Amino acid sequence: AVASLASSLACRLAAHFWPGPLTLVLPARAGLHPLVT
């Protein structure tokens, strides 16, 4: 809802480490508040 998980790399890392202590920097969806991005 807030980011694109379209890349195969992002999907692999998310599947492997989430839930858990990995933060991914992903392409933001339009409309997010500028303080978040």
All heavy atoms as atom14 arrays in JSON, in Angstrom:
{
  "sequence": "AVASLASSLACRLAAHFWPGPLTLVLPARAGLHPLVT",
  "atom14_mask": [
    [1, 1, 1, 1, 1, 0, 0, 0, 0, 0, 0, 0, 0, 0],
    [1, 1, 1, 1, 1, 1, 1, 0, 0, 0, 0, 0, 0, 0],
    [1, 1, 1, 1, 1, 0, 0, 0, 0, 0, 0, 0, 0, 0],
    [1, 1, 1, 1, 1, 1, 0, 0, 0, 0, 0, 0, 0, 0],
    [1, 1, 1, 1, 1, 1, 1, 1, 0, 0, 0, 0, 0, 0],
    [1, 1, 1, 1, 1, 0, 0, 0, 0, 0, 0, 0, 0, 0],
    [1, 1, 1, 1, 1, 1, 0, 0, 0, 0, 0, 0, 0, 0],
    [1, 1, 1, 1, 1, 1, 0, 0, 0, 0, 0, 0, 0, 0],
    [1, 1, 1, 1, 1, 1, 1, 1, 0, 0, 0, 0, 0, 0],
    [1, 1, 1, 1, 1, 0, 0, 0, 0, 0, 0, 0, 0, 0],
    [1, 1, 1, 1, 1, 1, 0, 0, 0, 0, 0, 0, 0, 0],
    [1, 1, 1, 1, 1, 1, 1, 1, 1, 1, 1, 0, 0, 0],
    [1, 1, 1, 1, 1, 1, 1, 1, 0, 0, 0, 0, 0, 0],
    [1, 1, 1, 1, 1, 0, 0, 0, 0, 0, 0, 0, 0, 0],
    [1, 1, 1, 1, 1, 0, 0, 0, 0, 0, 0, 0, 0, 0],
    [1, 1, 1, 1, 1, 1, 1, 1, 1, 1, 0, 0, 0, 0],
    [1, 1, 1, 1, 1, 1, 1, 1, 1, 1, 1, 0, 0, 0],
    [1, 1, 1, 1, 1, 1, 1, 1, 1, 1, 1, 1, 1, 1],
    [1, 1, 1, 1, 1, 1, 1, 0, 0, 0, 0, 0, 0, 0],
    [1, 1, 1, 1, 0, 0, 0, 0, 0, 0, 0, 0, 0, 0],
    [1, 1, 1, 1, 1, 1, 1, 0, 0, 0, 0, 0, 0, 0],
    [1, 1, 1, 1, 1, 1, 1, 1, 0, 0, 0, 0, 0, 0],
    [1, 1, 1, 1, 1, 1, 1, 0, 0, 0, 0, 0, 0, 0],
    [1, 1, 1, 1, 1, 1, 1, 1, 0, 0, 0, 0, 0, 0],
    [1, 1, 1, 1, 1, 1, 1, 0, 0, 0, 0, 0, 0, 0],
    [1, 1, 1, 1, 1, 1, 1, 1, 0, 0, 0, 0, 0, 0],
    [1, 1, 1, 1, 1, 1, 1, 0, 0, 0, 0, 0, 0, 0],
    [1, 1, 1, 1, 1, 0, 0, 0, 0, 0, 0, 0, 0, 0],
    [1, 1, 1, 1, 1, 1, 1, 1, 1, 1, 1, 0, 0, 0],
    [1, 1, 1, 1, 1, 0, 0, 0, 0, 0, 0, 0, 0, 0],
    [1, 1, 1, 1, 0, 0, 0, 0, 0, 0, 0, 0, 0, 0],
    [1, 1, 1, 1, 1, 1, 1, 1, 0, 0, 0, 0, 0, 0],
    [1, 1, 1, 1, 1, 1, 1, 1, 1, 1, 0, 0, 0, 0],
    [1, 1, 1, 1, 1, 1, 1, 0, 0, 0, 0, 0, 0, 0],
    [1, 1, 1, 1, 1, 1, 1, 1, 0, 0, 0, 0, 0, 0],
    [1, 1, 1, 1, 1, 1, 1, 0, 0, 0, 0, 0, 0, 0],
    [1, 1, 1, 1, 1, 1, 1, 0, 0, 0, 0, 0, 0, 0]
  ],
  "atom14_positions": [
    [[0.83, -1.22, 0.0], [0.0, 0.0, 0.0], [0.86, 1.26, 0.0], [0.39, 2.32, -0.41], [-0.93, 0.0, 1.21], [0.0, 0.0, 0.0], [0.0, 0.0, 0.0], [0.0, 0.0, 0.0], [0.0, 0.0, 0.0], [0.0, 0.0, 0.0], [0.0, 0.0, 0.0], [0.0, 0.0, 0.0], [0.0, 0.0, 0.0], [0.0, 0.0, 0.0]],
    [[2.12, 1.16, 0.46], [2.98, 2.34, 0.55], [4.19, 2.27, -0.36], [4.85, 3.28, -0.59], [3.45, 2.6, 2.01], [2.26, 2.89, 2.91], [4.27, 1.44, 2.54], [0.0, 0.0, 0.0], [0.0, 0.0, 0.0], [0.0, 0.0, 0.0], [0.0, 0.0, 0.0], [0.0, 0.0, 0.0], [0.0, 0.0, 0.0], [0.0, 0.0, 0.0]],
    [[4.5, 1.07, -0.88], [5.73, 0.9, -1.66], [5.54, -0.18, -2.71], [4.63, -1.01, -2.62], [6.88, 0.5, -0.73], [0.0, 0.0, 0.0], [0.0, 0.0, 0.0], [0.0, 0.0, 0.0], [0.0, 0.0, 0.0], [0.0, 0.0, 0.0], [0.0, 0.0, 0.0], [0.0, 0.0, 0.0], [0.0, 0.0, 0.0], [0.0, 0.0, 0.0]],
    [[6.43, -0.18, -3.68], [6.42, -1.21, -4.7], [7.34, -2.36, -4.29], [8.5, -2.14, -3.97], [6.91, -0.64, -6.04], [7.1, -1.68, -6.96], [0.0, 0.0, 0.0], [0.0, 0.0, 0.0], [0.0, 0.0, 0.0], [0.0, 0.0, 0.0], [0.0, 0.0, 0.0], [0.0, 0.0, 0.0], [0.0, 0.0, 0.0], [0.0, 0.0, 0.0]],
    [[6.78, -3.55, -4.29], [7.57, -4.77, -4.05], [7.69, -5.52, -5.36], [7.66, -6.74, -5.39], [6.88, -5.65, -3.01], [7.39, -5.62, -1.58], [6.53, -6.46, -0.68], [8.83, -5.98, -1.46], [0.0, 0.0, 0.0], [0.0, 0.0, 0.0], [0.0, 0.0, 0.0], [0.0, 0.0, 0.0], [0.0, 0.0, 0.0], [0.0, 0.0, 0.0]],
    [[7.82, -4.79, -6.46], [7.79, -5.38, -7.79], [9.09, -6.08, -8.17], [9.06, -7.03, -8.95], [7.45, -4.32, -8.84], [0.0, 0.0, 0.0], [0.0, 0.0, 0.0], [0.0, 0.0, 0.0], [0.0, 0.0, 0.0], [0.0, 0.0, 0.0], [0.0, 0.0, 0.0], [0.0, 0.0, 0.0], [0.0, 0.0, 0.0], [0.0, 0.0, 0.0]],
    [[10.21, -5.64, -7.64], [11.46, -6.26, -8.07], [11.6, -7.65, -7.45], [11.21, -7.89, -6.32], [12.66, -5.39, -7.7], [13.1, -5.64, -6.39], [0.0, 0.0, 0.0], [0.0, 0.0, 0.0], [0.0, 0.0, 0.0], [0.0, 0.0, 0.0], [0.0, 0.0, 0.0], [0.0, 0.0, 0.0], [0.0, 0.0, 0.0], [0.0, 0.0, 0.0]],
    [[12.21, -8.55, -8.2], [12.41, -9.9, -7.69], [13.34, -9.9, -6.49], [13.18, -10.7, -5.57], [12.92, -10.83, -8.79], [14.16, -10.38, -9.28], [0.0, 0.0, 0.0], [0.0, 0.0, 0.0], [0.0, 0.0, 0.0], [0.0, 0.0, 0.0], [0.0, 0.0, 0.0], [0.0, 0.0, 0.0], [0.0, 0.0, 0.0], [0.0, 0.0, 0.0]],
    [[14.32, -8.99, -6.46], [15.23, -8.89, -5.32], [14.46, -8.52, -4.06], [14.61, -9.16, -3.01], [16.34, -7.87, -5.58], [17.24, -7.58, -4.38], [18.03, -8.82, -3.98], [18.17, -6.42, -4.68], [0.0, 0.0, 0.0], [0.0, 0.0, 0.0], [0.0, 0.0, 0.0], [0.0, 0.0, 0.0], [0.0, 0.0, 0.0], [0.0, 0.0, 0.0]],
    [[13.65, -7.48, -4.14], [12.87, -7.05, -2.97], [11.97, -8.18, -2.48], [11.87, -8.41, -1.27], [12.05, -5.81, -3.3], [0.0, 0.0, 0.0], [0.0, 0.0, 0.0], [0.0, 0.0, 0.0], [0.0, 0.0, 0.0], [0.0, 0.0, 0.0], [0.0, 0.0, 0.0], [0.0, 0.0, 0.0], [0.0, 0.0, 0.0], [0.0, 0.0, 0.0]],
    [[11.33, -8.88, -3.4], [10.46, -10.0, -3.01], [11.24, -11.1, -2.31], [10.79, -11.65, -1.3], [9.73, -10.55, -4.23], [8.46, -9.43, -4.85], [0.0, 0.0, 0.0], [0.0, 0.0, 0.0], [0.0, 0.0, 0.0], [0.0, 0.0, 0.0], [0.0, 0.0, 0.0], [0.0, 0.0, 0.0], [0.0, 0.0, 0.0], [0.0, 0.0, 0.0]],
    [[12.44, -11.45, -2.84], [13.26, -12.48, -2.2], [13.69, -12.08, -0.8], [13.62, -12.87, 0.15], [14.51, -12.78, -3.05], [14.29, -13.73, -4.19], [15.6, -14.26, -4.79], [16.61, -13.27, -5.11], [16.62, -12.53, -6.22], [15.68, -12.66, -7.13], [17.59, -11.65, -6.43], [0.0, 0.0, 0.0], [0.0, 0.0, 0.0], [0.0, 0.0, 0.0]],
    [[14.15, -10.84, -0.66], [14.6, -10.39, 0.65], [13.45, -10.31, 1.65], [13.59, -10.72, 2.81], [15.32, -9.04, 0.54], [16.63, -9.06, -0.25], [17.21, -7.65, -0.35], [17.64, -10.02, 0.36], [0.0, 0.0, 0.0], [0.0, 0.0, 0.0], [0.0, 0.0, 0.0], [0.0, 0.0, 0.0], [0.0, 0.0, 0.0], [0.0, 0.0, 0.0]],
    [[12.32, -9.81, 1.21], [11.15, -9.74, 2.09], [10.72, -11.14, 2.53], [10.45, -11.38, 3.71], [10.0, -9.01, 1.39], [0.0, 0.0, 0.0], [0.0, 0.0, 0.0], [0.0, 0.0, 0.0], [0.0, 0.0, 0.0], [0.0, 0.0, 0.0], [0.0, 0.0, 0.0], [0.0, 0.0, 0.0], [0.0, 0.0, 0.0], [0.0, 0.0, 0.0]],
    [[10.66, -12.07, 1.6], [10.24, -13.44, 1.92], [11.22, -14.1, 2.89], [10.82, -14.86, 3.77], [10.12, -14.27, 0.64], [0.0, 0.0, 0.0], [0.0, 0.0, 0.0], [0.0, 0.0, 0.0], [0.0, 0.0, 0.0], [0.0, 0.0, 0.0], [0.0, 0.0, 0.0], [0.0, 0.0, 0.0], [0.0, 0.0, 0.0], [0.0, 0.0, 0.0]],
    [[12.5, -13.78, 2.75], [13.52, -14.42, 3.58], [13.6, -13.81, 4.99], [13.79, -14.53, 5.97], [14.88, -14.32, 2.9], [15.95, -15.11, 3.57], [16.12, -16.46, 3.35], [16.89, -14.75, 4.48], [17.12, -16.9, 4.09], [17.61, -15.88, 4.78], [0.0, 0.0, 0.0], [0.0, 0.0, 0.0], [0.0, 0.0, 0.0], [0.0, 0.0, 0.0]],
    [[13.47, -12.48, 5.09], [13.77, -11.8, 6.36], [12.56, -11.25, 7.11], [12.72, -10.83, 8.27], [14.76, -10.66, 6.12], [16.12, -11.14, 5.73], [16.57, -10.99, 4.42], [16.96, -11.75, 6.65], [17.84, -11.42, 4.05], [18.23, -12.18, 6.28], [18.67, -12.03, 4.99], [0.0, 0.0, 0.0], [0.0, 0.0, 0.0], [0.0, 0.0, 0.0]],
    [[11.4, -11.19, 6.49], [10.23, -10.63, 7.18], [9.33, -11.73, 7.68], [9.12, -12.71, 6.99], [9.45, -9.74, 6.24], [10.09, -8.41, 5.95], [11.18, -7.85, 6.55], [9.66, -7.47, 4.96], [11.45, -6.62, 5.99], [10.52, -6.37, 5.01], [8.62, -7.46, 4.05], [10.37, -5.26, 4.18], [8.47, -6.36, 3.22], [9.34, -5.28, 3.29]],
    [[8.76, -11.58, 8.86], [9.01, -10.47, 9.79], [10.41, -10.57, 10.39], [10.9, -11.66, 10.65], [7.94, -10.63, 10.86], [7.34, -11.98, 10.68], [7.74, -12.51, 9.35], [0.0, 0.0, 0.0], [0.0, 0.0, 0.0], [0.0, 0.0, 0.0], [0.0, 0.0, 0.0], [0.0, 0.0, 0.0], [0.0, 0.0, 0.0], [0.0, 0.0, 0.0]],
    [[11.0, -9.4, 10.59], [12.33, -9.37, 11.16], [13.02, -8.03, 10.97], [12.42, -7.07, 10.48], [0.0, 0.0, 0.0], [0.0, 0.0, 0.0], [0.0, 0.0, 0.0], [0.0, 0.0, 0.0], [0.0, 0.0, 0.0], [0.0, 0.0, 0.0], [0.0, 0.0, 0.0], [0.0, 0.0, 0.0], [0.0, 0.0, 0.0], [0.0, 0.0, 0.0]],
    [[14.31, -7.97, 11.34], [15.03, -6.7, 11.41], [15.7, -6.25, 10.1], [16.85, -5.82, 10.1], [16.06, -6.95, 12.5], [16.37, -8.41, 12.37], [15.07, -9.05, 11.97], [0.0, 0.0, 0.0], [0.0, 0.0, 0.0], [0.0, 0.0, 0.0], [0.0, 0.0, 0.0], [0.0, 0.0, 0.0], [0.0, 0.0, 0.0], [0.0, 0.0, 0.0]],
    [[14.99, -6.38, 8.99], [15.49, -5.86, 7.72], [14.56, -4.76, 7.23], [13.35, -4.98, 7.06], [15.57, -6.95, 6.65], [16.07, -6.44, 5.29], [17.57, -6.12, 5.35], [15.78, -7.44, 4.19], [0.0, 0.0, 0.0], [0.0, 0.0, 0.0], [0.0, 0.0, 0.0], [0.0, 0.0, 0.0], [0.0, 0.0, 0.0], [0.0, 0.0, 0.0]],
    [[15.12, -3.57, 7.03], [14.38, -2.46, 6.44], [14.77, -2.37, 4.99], [15.96, -2.32, 4.66], [14.7, -1.14, 7.17], [14.31, -1.25, 8.54], [14.0, 0.04, 6.52], [0.0, 0.0, 0.0], [0.0, 0.0, 0.0], [0.0, 0.0, 0.0], [0.0, 0.0, 0.0], [0.0, 0.0, 0.0], [0.0, 0.0, 0.0], [0.0, 0.0, 0.0]],
    [[13.78, -2.37, 4.1], [14.03, -2.23, 2.67], [13.66, -0.83, 2.24], [12.62, -0.3, 2.62], [13.21, -3.25, 1.88], [13.59, -4.71, 2.06], [12.62, -5.61, 1.29], [15.02, -4.95, 1.6], [0.0, 0.0, 0.0], [0.0, 0.0, 0.0], [0.0, 0.0, 0.0], [0.0, 0.0, 0.0], [0.0, 0.0, 0.0], [0.0, 0.0, 0.0]],
    [[14.51, -0.22, 1.44], [14.22, 1.08, 0.83], [13.67, 0.77, -0.55], [14.38, 0.24, -1.41], [15.47, 1.97, 0.79], [15.16, 3.29, 0.1], [15.98, 2.22, 2.21], [0.0, 0.0, 0.0], [0.0, 0.0, 0.0], [0.0, 0.0, 0.0], [0.0, 0.0, 0.0], [0.0, 0.0, 0.0], [0.0, 0.0, 0.0], [0.0, 0.0, 0.0]],
    [[12.39, 1.09, -0.73], [11.65, 0.69, -1.92], [11.07, 1.91, -2.63], [10.91, 2.97, -2.01], [10.49, -0.23, -1.5], [10.88, -1.51, -0.77], [9.65, -2.16, -0.14], [11.57, -2.46, -1.72], [0.0, 0.0, 0.0], [0.0, 0.0, 0.0], [0.0, 0.0, 0.0], [0.0, 0.0, 0.0], [0.0, 0.0, 0.0], [0.0, 0.0, 0.0]],
    [[10.7, 1.76, -3.91], [10.0, 2.85, -4.59], [8.69, 3.17, -3.86], [7.9, 2.26, -3.57], [9.73, 2.29, -5.98], [10.76, 1.21, -6.17], [10.96, 0.61, -4.8], [0.0, 0.0, 0.0], [0.0, 0.0, 0.0], [0.0, 0.0, 0.0], [0.0, 0.0, 0.0], [0.0, 0.0, 0.0], [0.0, 0.0, 0.0], [0.0, 0.0, 0.0]],
    [[8.49, 4.43, -3.54], [7.31, 4.85, -2.79], [6.09, 4.96, -3.71], [6.21, 5.33, -4.88], [7.57, 6.2, -2.13], [0.0, 0.0, 0.0], [0.0, 0.0, 0.0], [0.0, 0.0, 0.0], [0.0, 0.0, 0.0], [0.0, 0.0, 0.0], [0.0, 0.0, 0.0], [0.0, 0.0, 0.0], [0.0, 0.0, 0.0], [0.0, 0.0, 0.0]],
    [[4.94, 4.62, -3.16], [3.68, 4.84, -3.87], [3.39, 6.34, -3.87], [3.76, 7.07, -2.95], [2.52, 4.11, -3.17], [2.65, 2.62, -3.19], [2.15, 2.07, -4.51], [2.25, 0.61, -4.5], [2.52, -0.11, -5.55], [2.72, 0.47, -6.72], [2.59, -1.41, -5.48], [0.0, 0.0, 0.0], [0.0, 0.0, 0.0], [0.0, 0.0, 0.0]],
    [[2.71, 6.79, -4.89], [2.33, 8.2, -4.98], [1.43, 8.57, -3.8], [0.64, 7.74, -3.32], [1.6, 8.46, -6.29], [0.0, 0.0, 0.0], [0.0, 0.0, 0.0], [0.0, 0.0, 0.0], [0.0, 0.0, 0.0], [0.0, 0.0, 0.0], [0.0, 0.0, 0.0], [0.0, 0.0, 0.0], [0.0, 0.0, 0.0], [0.0, 0.0, 0.0]],
    [[1.58, 9.78, -3.33], [0.7, 10.29, -2.29], [1.21, 10.16, -0.87], [0.55, 10.62, 0.06], [0.0, 0.0, 0.0], [0.0, 0.0, 0.0], [0.0, 0.0, 0.0], [0.0, 0.0, 0.0], [0.0, 0.0, 0.0], [0.0, 0.0, 0.0], [0.0, 0.0, 0.0], [0.0, 0.0, 0.0], [0.0, 0.0, 0.0], [0.0, 0.0, 0.0]],
    [[2.37, 9.54, -0.68], [2.91, 9.47, 0.68], [3.35, 10.86, 1.13], [3.8, 11.67, 0.33], [4.1, 8.52, 0.74], [3.81, 7.04, 0.65], [5.1, 6.24, 0.77], [2.82, 6.6, 1.71], [0.0, 0.0, 0.0], [0.0, 0.0, 0.0], [0.0, 0.0, 0.0], [0.0, 0.0, 0.0], [0.0, 0.0, 0.0], [0.0, 0.0, 0.0]],
    [[3.22, 11.11, 2.4], [3.61, 12.4, 2.95], [5.12, 12.62, 2.73], [5.91, 11.69, 2.91], [3.29, 12.45, 4.45], [3.32, 13.83, 4.99], [4.49, 14.51, 5.24], [2.31, 14.67, 5.32], [4.22, 15.7, 5.7], [2.9, 15.84, 5.76], [0.0, 0.0, 0.0], [0.0, 0.0, 0.0], [0.0, 0.0, 0.0], [0.0, 0.0, 0.0]],
    [[5.53, 13.83, 2.38], [6.95, 14.11, 2.13], [7.86, 13.83, 3.33], [9.04, 13.56, 3.15], [6.98, 15.6, 1.77], [5.6, 15.95, 1.38], [4.68, 14.99, 2.08], [0.0, 0.0, 0.0], [0.0, 0.0, 0.0], [0.0, 0.0, 0.0], [0.0, 0.0, 0.0], [0.0, 0.0, 0.0], [0.0, 0.0, 0.0], [0.0, 0.0, 0.0]],
    [[7.33, 13.86, 4.55], [8.17, 13.54, 5.71], [8.57, 12.07, 5.72], [9.6, 11.7, 6.25], [7.44, 13.88, 7.02], [7.28, 15.36, 7.32], [6.46, 15.55, 8.6], [8.63, 16.05, 7.45], [0.0, 0.0, 0.0], [0.0, 0.0, 0.0], [0.0, 0.0, 0.0], [0.0, 0.0, 0.0], [0.0, 0.0, 0.0], [0.0, 0.0, 0.0]],
    [[7.75, 11.23, 5.11], [8.04, 9.79, 5.06], [9.08, 9.5, 3.98], [9.91, 8.6, 4.14], [6.74, 8.99, 4.81], [7.02, 7.52, 4.61], [5.77, 9.19, 5.97], [0.0, 0.0, 0.0], [0.0, 0.0, 0.0], [0.0, 0.0, 0.0], [0.0, 0.0, 0.0], [0.0, 0.0, 0.0], [0.0, 0.0, 0.0], [0.0, 0.0, 0.0]],
    [[9.07, 10.26, 2.92], [9.99, 10.03, 1.81], [11.14, 11.04, 1.77], [12.01, 10.93, 0.91], [9.24, 10.12, 0.46], [8.74, 11.46, 0.32], [8.12, 9.11, 0.39], [0.0, 0.0, 0.0], [0.0, 0.0, 0.0], [0.0, 0.0, 0.0], [0.0, 0.0, 0.0], [0.0, 0.0, 0.0], [0.0, 0.0, 0.0], [0.0, 0.0, 0.0]]
  ]
}
